[in-house]
Amino acid sequence: MLHDQVEVPGPWSHRRIAANGAQFHVAELGDGPLILLLHGFPEFWWAWRHQLPRLAEAGWRAVAMDLRGFGGSDKPPRGYDPATFAADVTGVIRSIGERQAILVGHGWGAYGAWMAAAFRPAHVRALVTLSMPHPLVLRRHFLRGGVFRSGTLLGAQIPVVPERRLVSDDGAFVEQFLRRWAAPQSDFPDEDACARYRAAMRIWPAPHCALEYQRWAVRSLFRADGRRFAKRLEEPIAMPVLQVHGAQDRNMEPRLAAASRSQVADSHTWVQLEDAGHFPHEETPELVNDALVEWLGQH
């Protein structure tokens, strides 16, 4: 059953990789320098189905992983803090057989990509983030009251209830997230995407694991571990960064993401897609692919 839900057939191959004390499912395609793609909530590796073939065609080894707690990867009860997140990402890079990779992340996957670049820069050549500001920018936004304006984040802090909501009615709430955060005129999500993401979130305990990333980000705001985390992020990222953002993103405002420029000490490129919402790589895949390939050619 898990195989059918997660190992979606295509030009890519599937395998499981041991890293940082866990097993991670990956889909990979192509040969060349490594690009590791990190999906966001409420998705799994399949979110990158449009990018894998284009990146492979452009001469890259494109690998899309299921994050800890999602899809075909292990779902332990702990390990959803930023330090473990960064170690998961760089551990997969090393287990694949590479020392470095270019990271491409969306949403909470981009949060992890930012973290890996900050905490373990020796393993990250360059960084591409979609729909997520630098974690320090996001933290400051939360502390200024932004967390109270996000019903999704606040709702995730309640025990048990959000998990039940994500799996009830065959995962209908997952589809609501996708439709609410995509641009109104977008063809995404179609019937196939809704069915796949609803099914993947019903692989228990994926709902609990998926919410744990969000819970740490909010609950650590006034804790000592959160302050230590913020202190480690003060030094700007010293590598090239591309940020891609949908102008119609109703989950993460473009102006908030754009403020991440202050946290980048190297070259910073901002691409705003006017017809995209929170899922630009799925709503406007060709535009994202063009931006990726062009930028990668420069770095």
Protein backbone atom coordinates (compact mmCIF):
# COMPACT_ATOMS: atom_id res chain seq x y z
CA MET A 1 0.00 0.00 0.00
CA LEU A 2 2.82 2.41 0.94
CA HIS A 3 4.60 1.56 -2.30
CA ASP A 4 1.53 2.51 -4.36
CA GLN A 5 1.02 5.81 -2.52
CA VAL A 6 4.61 7.02 -2.48
CA GLU A 7 6.63 5.35 -5.23
CA VAL A 8 4.82 7.03 -8.10
CA PRO A 9 6.14 5.63 -11.41
CA GLY A 10 7.95 7.91 -13.84
CA PRO A 11 11.34 8.43 -15.48
CA TRP A 12 12.94 8.55 -12.02
CA SER A 13 14.07 5.68 -9.80
CA HIS A 14 13.19 5.11 -6.15
CA ARG A 15 15.30 3.97 -3.22
CA ARG A 16 15.73 4.34 0.54
CA ILE A 17 18.80 5.96 2.07
CA ALA A 18 20.08 5.71 5.64
CA ALA A 19 21.11 9.07 7.10
CA ASN A 20 21.23 10.72 10.53
CA GLY A 21 19.74 7.68 12.25
CA ALA A 22 16.72 7.33 9.96
CA GLN A 23 15.70 5.95 6.57
CA PHE A 24 14.68 8.41 3.85
CA HIS A 25 12.85 7.67 0.62
CA VAL A 26 14.20 9.47 -2.46
CA ALA A 27 13.35 9.68 -6.15
CA GLU A 28 16.27 10.48 -8.45
CA LEU A 29 16.93 11.20 -12.09
CA GLY A 30 19.96 12.26 -14.13
CA ASP A 31 23.73 12.42 -13.80
CA GLY A 32 25.96 15.33 -12.86
CA PRO A 33 26.32 17.66 -9.88
CA LEU A 34 23.77 16.98 -7.15
CA ILE A 35 20.62 19.01 -6.60
CA LEU A 36 18.57 17.94 -3.58
CA LEU A 37 14.90 18.98 -3.63
CA LEU A 38 12.93 19.37 -0.38
CA HIS A 39 9.12 19.48 -0.48
CA GLY A 40 6.84 21.47 1.79
CA PHE A 41 3.58 20.94 3.70
CA PRO A 42 1.24 19.13 3.02
CA GLU A 43 3.11 17.33 0.22
CA PHE A 44 5.83 14.73 -0.41
CA TRP A 45 8.63 14.26 -2.96
CA TRP A 46 6.15 14.06 -5.87
CA ALA A 47 5.76 17.86 -5.62
CA TRP A 48 8.94 18.06 -7.76
CA ARG A 49 7.65 15.85 -10.62
CA HIS A 50 7.85 18.79 -13.06
CA GLN A 51 11.38 19.76 -12.05
CA LEU A 52 13.14 16.36 -11.95
CA PRO A 53 13.11 15.72 -15.74
CA ARG A 54 14.04 19.31 -16.64
CA LEU A 55 16.96 19.41 -14.21
CA ALA A 56 18.22 16.01 -15.40
CA GLU A 57 17.96 17.19 -18.99
CA ALA A 58 20.04 20.25 -18.07
CA GLY A 59 22.87 18.04 -16.78
CA TRP A 60 22.13 17.70 -13.07
CA ARG A 61 21.61 14.75 -10.77
CA ALA A 62 18.22 15.67 -9.35
CA VAL A 63 17.14 13.93 -6.14
CA ALA A 64 13.82 14.64 -4.40
CA MET A 65 13.56 13.33 -0.83
CA ASP A 66 10.66 12.75 1.50
CA LEU A 67 11.35 14.73 4.65
CA ARG A 68 11.43 13.00 8.02
CA GLY A 69 7.82 12.17 8.87
CA PHE A 70 6.47 12.38 5.32
CA GLY A 71 5.77 9.98 2.46
CA GLY A 72 8.03 6.93 2.42
CA SER A 73 10.58 8.22 4.95
CA ASP A 74 10.74 7.16 8.59
CA LYS A 75 8.26 8.77 10.97
CA PRO A 76 9.86 8.75 14.43
CA PRO A 77 8.20 10.62 17.34
CA ARG A 78 11.07 13.12 17.62
CA GLY A 79 13.56 14.97 15.44
CA TYR A 80 11.55 17.89 14.00
CA ASP A 81 13.72 20.70 15.37
CA PRO A 82 15.92 22.79 13.01
CA ALA A 83 19.24 21.21 14.01
CA THR A 84 17.97 17.70 13.26
CA PHE A 85 16.32 18.98 10.08
CA ALA A 86 19.66 20.35 8.85
CA ALA A 87 21.44 17.12 9.81
CA ASP A 88 18.83 15.07 7.91
CA VAL A 89 19.42 17.10 4.75
CA THR A 90 23.20 17.05 4.85
CA GLY A 91 23.19 13.42 5.97
CA VAL A 92 21.26 12.46 2.85
CA ILE A 93 23.78 14.38 0.74
CA ARG A 94 26.64 12.38 2.22
CA SER A 95 24.79 9.06 2.03
CA ILE A 96 24.11 9.65 -1.65
CA GLY A 97 27.88 9.79 -2.04
CA GLU A 98 28.43 13.53 -2.45
CA ARG A 99 30.10 16.10 -0.24
CA GLN A 100 28.00 19.06 -1.42
CA ALA A 101 24.71 19.78 -3.13
CA ILE A 102 22.64 22.68 -4.33
CA LEU A 103 19.49 22.72 -2.20
CA VAL A 104 16.07 23.58 -3.62
CA GLY A 105 13.31 23.80 -1.04
CA HIS A 106 9.66 24.80 -0.91
CA GLY A 107 7.72 25.92 2.16
CA TRP A 108 8.89 24.00 5.24
CA GLY A 109 11.35 22.20 2.98
CA ALA A 110 12.85 25.62 2.22
CA TYR A 111 12.96 26.29 5.98
CA GLY A 112 15.14 23.18 6.28
CA ALA A 113 17.25 24.26 3.31
CA TRP A 114 17.91 27.64 4.94
CA MET A 115 18.84 25.80 8.13
CA ALA A 116 21.25 23.42 6.38
CA ALA A 117 22.93 26.38 4.66
CA ALA A 118 23.32 28.18 8.00
CA PHE A 119 24.25 25.26 10.25
CA ARG A 120 26.24 23.06 7.82
CA PRO A 121 27.47 25.34 5.01
CA ALA A 122 30.34 23.02 4.02
CA HIS A 123 27.76 20.70 2.44
CA VAL A 124 25.71 23.33 0.57
CA ARG A 125 26.99 24.93 -2.65
CA ALA A 126 24.05 27.24 -3.26
CA LEU A 127 20.46 27.67 -2.17
CA VAL A 128 17.08 28.03 -3.88
CA THR A 129 14.00 28.70 -1.74
CA LEU A 130 10.37 28.90 -2.76
CA SER A 131 7.61 30.43 -0.64
CA MET A 132 9.57 30.69 2.61
CA PRO A 133 11.61 33.53 4.16
CA HIS A 134 14.85 33.06 6.05
CA PRO A 135 14.02 31.44 9.44
CA LEU A 136 15.30 34.46 11.38
CA VAL A 137 13.07 36.77 9.33
CA LEU A 138 10.15 34.41 9.97
CA ARG A 139 10.90 34.29 13.70
CA ARG A 140 10.98 38.08 13.96
CA HIS A 141 7.69 38.23 12.08
CA PHE A 142 6.15 35.77 14.54
CA LEU A 143 7.42 37.75 17.54
CA ARG A 144 5.86 40.93 16.11
CA GLY A 145 2.48 39.22 16.16
CA GLY A 146 2.51 37.45 12.82
CA VAL A 147 1.93 34.08 14.41
CA PHE A 148 -1.43 35.31 15.77
CA ARG A 149 -2.53 36.23 12.25
CA SER A 150 -1.90 32.71 10.98
CA GLY A 151 -4.84 30.48 11.76
CA THR A 152 -3.00 27.51 10.33
CA LEU A 153 -0.01 27.83 12.67
CA LEU A 154 -2.11 28.56 15.73
CA GLY A 155 -4.41 25.66 14.98
CA ALA A 156 -1.42 23.32 14.71
CA GLN A 157 -0.44 24.00 18.34
CA ILE A 158 -3.47 22.16 19.73
CA PRO A 159 -2.73 18.52 20.64
CA VAL A 160 -4.39 15.67 18.70
CA VAL A 161 -7.19 17.67 17.04
CA PRO A 162 -5.16 18.90 14.01
CA GLU A 163 -3.93 15.37 13.32
CA ARG A 164 -7.46 14.01 13.31
CA ARG A 165 -8.58 16.84 11.05
CA LEU A 166 -5.88 16.05 8.48
CA VAL A 167 -6.97 12.42 8.13
CA SER A 168 -10.74 12.79 8.52
CA ASP A 169 -12.95 12.40 5.45
CA ASP A 170 -10.08 10.70 3.59
CA GLY A 171 -7.83 13.73 3.98
CA ALA A 172 -10.25 16.35 2.67
CA PHE A 173 -8.56 19.04 4.79
CA VAL A 174 -5.32 18.52 2.85
CA GLU A 175 -7.13 19.39 -0.35
CA GLN A 176 -8.55 22.50 1.33
CA PHE A 177 -5.01 23.67 2.14
CA LEU A 178 -3.88 23.17 -1.45
CA ARG A 179 -6.83 25.07 -2.92
CA ARG A 180 -6.75 27.86 -0.33
CA TRP A 181 -3.05 28.61 -0.84
CA ALA A 182 -2.88 28.30 -4.64
CA ALA A 183 -3.70 31.28 -6.86
CA PRO A 184 -7.46 31.43 -7.57
CA GLN A 185 -7.01 31.10 -11.34
CA SER A 186 -4.49 28.24 -11.06
CA ASP A 187 -5.13 24.78 -12.53
CA PHE A 188 -3.42 23.35 -9.46
CA PRO A 189 -4.42 21.24 -7.65
CA ASP A 190 -6.02 18.94 -10.18
CA GLU A 191 -7.82 15.72 -9.27
CA ASP A 192 -4.65 13.61 -9.40
CA ALA A 193 -2.68 15.95 -7.13
CA CYS A 194 -5.50 16.10 -4.58
CA ALA A 195 -5.80 12.31 -4.49
CA ARG A 196 -2.05 11.74 -4.08
CA TYR A 197 -1.51 14.33 -1.37
CA ARG A 198 -4.59 13.22 0.55
CA ALA A 199 -3.43 9.60 0.43
CA ALA A 200 0.15 10.42 1.47
CA MET A 201 -1.00 12.38 4.51
CA ARG A 202 -3.10 9.40 5.65
CA ILE A 203 0.05 7.27 6.11
CA TRP A 204 0.03 7.35 9.91
CA PRO A 205 1.69 9.04 11.79
CA ALA A 206 2.50 11.50 8.96
CA PRO A 207 -0.03 14.10 10.19
CA HIS A 208 1.58 14.29 13.63
CA CYS A 209 5.11 14.44 12.18
CA ALA A 210 4.19 17.11 9.63
CA LEU A 211 2.76 19.34 12.34
CA GLU A 212 5.75 18.92 14.64
CA TYR A 213 7.91 21.16 12.40
CA GLN A 214 5.34 23.95 12.79
CA ARG A 215 4.93 23.35 16.48
CA TRP A 216 8.63 23.75 17.16
CA ALA A 217 8.78 27.01 15.20
CA VAL A 218 6.02 28.53 17.34
CA ARG A 219 6.64 26.95 20.73
CA SER A 220 10.36 27.80 20.70
CA LEU A 221 9.71 31.55 20.33
CA PHE A 222 9.99 32.19 24.07
CA ARG A 223 12.19 29.25 25.05
CA ALA A 224 15.94 29.09 25.57
CA ASP A 225 16.42 26.69 22.66
CA GLY A 226 14.65 29.17 20.39
CA ARG A 227 16.94 31.99 21.50
CA ARG A 228 20.01 29.83 20.90
CA PHE A 229 18.64 28.94 17.47
CA ALA A 230 18.17 32.63 16.62
CA LYS A 231 21.69 33.47 17.78
CA ARG A 232 23.18 30.88 15.43
CA LEU A 233 21.28 32.42 12.51
CA GLU A 234 22.60 35.96 12.93
CA GLU A 235 25.54 35.48 10.57
CA PRO A 236 24.33 35.98 6.97
CA ILE A 237 24.33 33.07 4.49
CA ALA A 238 27.63 33.14 2.55
CA MET A 239 26.53 31.45 -0.68
CA PRO A 240 24.45 32.37 -3.74
CA VAL A 241 20.70 32.39 -3.07
CA LEU A 242 17.73 32.38 -5.44
CA GLN A 243 14.31 33.13 -3.99
CA VAL A 244 11.20 32.33 -6.02
CA HIS A 245 7.84 33.54 -4.75
CA GLY A 246 4.29 33.69 -6.00
CA ALA A 247 2.80 37.18 -6.00
CA GLN A 248 -0.54 35.67 -4.94
CA ASP A 249 0.84 33.63 -2.03
CA ARG A 250 -1.78 34.00 0.70
CA ASN A 251 0.12 31.82 3.17
CA MET A 252 3.49 33.62 3.12
CA GLU A 253 3.52 37.23 1.93
CA PRO A 254 6.05 38.13 -0.79
CA ARG A 255 7.31 41.21 1.10
CA LEU A 256 8.15 39.02 4.11
CA ALA A 257 10.12 36.57 1.99
CA ALA A 258 11.89 39.39 0.15
CA ALA A 259 13.17 40.74 3.47
CA SER A 260 15.48 37.69 3.55
CA ARG A 261 17.88 39.64 1.34
CA SER A 262 19.38 41.14 4.50
CA GLN A 263 20.38 37.64 5.62
CA VAL A 264 22.42 36.82 2.49
CA ALA A 265 26.06 37.92 2.25
CA ASP A 266 26.58 36.52 -1.27
CA SER A 267 24.64 37.16 -4.47
CA HIS A 268 20.87 37.24 -4.02
CA THR A 269 18.32 36.86 -6.84
CA TRP A 270 14.61 37.51 -6.36
CA VAL A 271 12.05 36.12 -8.84
CA GLN A 272 8.38 36.96 -8.29
CA LEU A 273 5.82 35.07 -10.39
CA GLU A 274 2.67 37.12 -10.82
CA ASP A 275 0.31 34.21 -11.60
CA ALA A 276 1.45 31.89 -8.81
CA GLY A 277 0.35 31.38 -5.24
CA HIS A 278 2.06 29.32 -2.55
CA PHE A 279 3.01 26.43 -4.88
CA PRO A 280 4.81 28.06 -7.83
CA HIS A 281 6.68 24.87 -8.79
CA GLU A 282 3.30 23.19 -9.35
CA GLU A 283 1.15 26.13 -10.42
CA THR A 284 3.62 27.60 -12.95
CA PRO A 285 6.17 24.78 -13.37
CA GLU A 286 7.66 25.93 -16.67
CA LEU A 287 8.36 29.41 -15.33
CA VAL A 288 10.00 27.94 -12.24
CA ASN A 289 12.00 25.51 -14.38
CA ASP A 290 13.22 28.32 -16.63
CA ALA A 291 14.27 30.42 -13.64
CA LEU A 292 16.02 27.45 -12.04
CA VAL A 293 17.95 26.38 -15.12
CA GLU A 294 19.01 29.94 -15.96
CA TRP A 295 20.20 30.64 -12.42
CA LEU A 296 21.93 27.27 -12.07
CA GLY A 297 23.81 27.97 -15.29
CA GLN A 298 25.32 31.02 -13.60
CA HIS A 299 26.38 29.16 -10.47
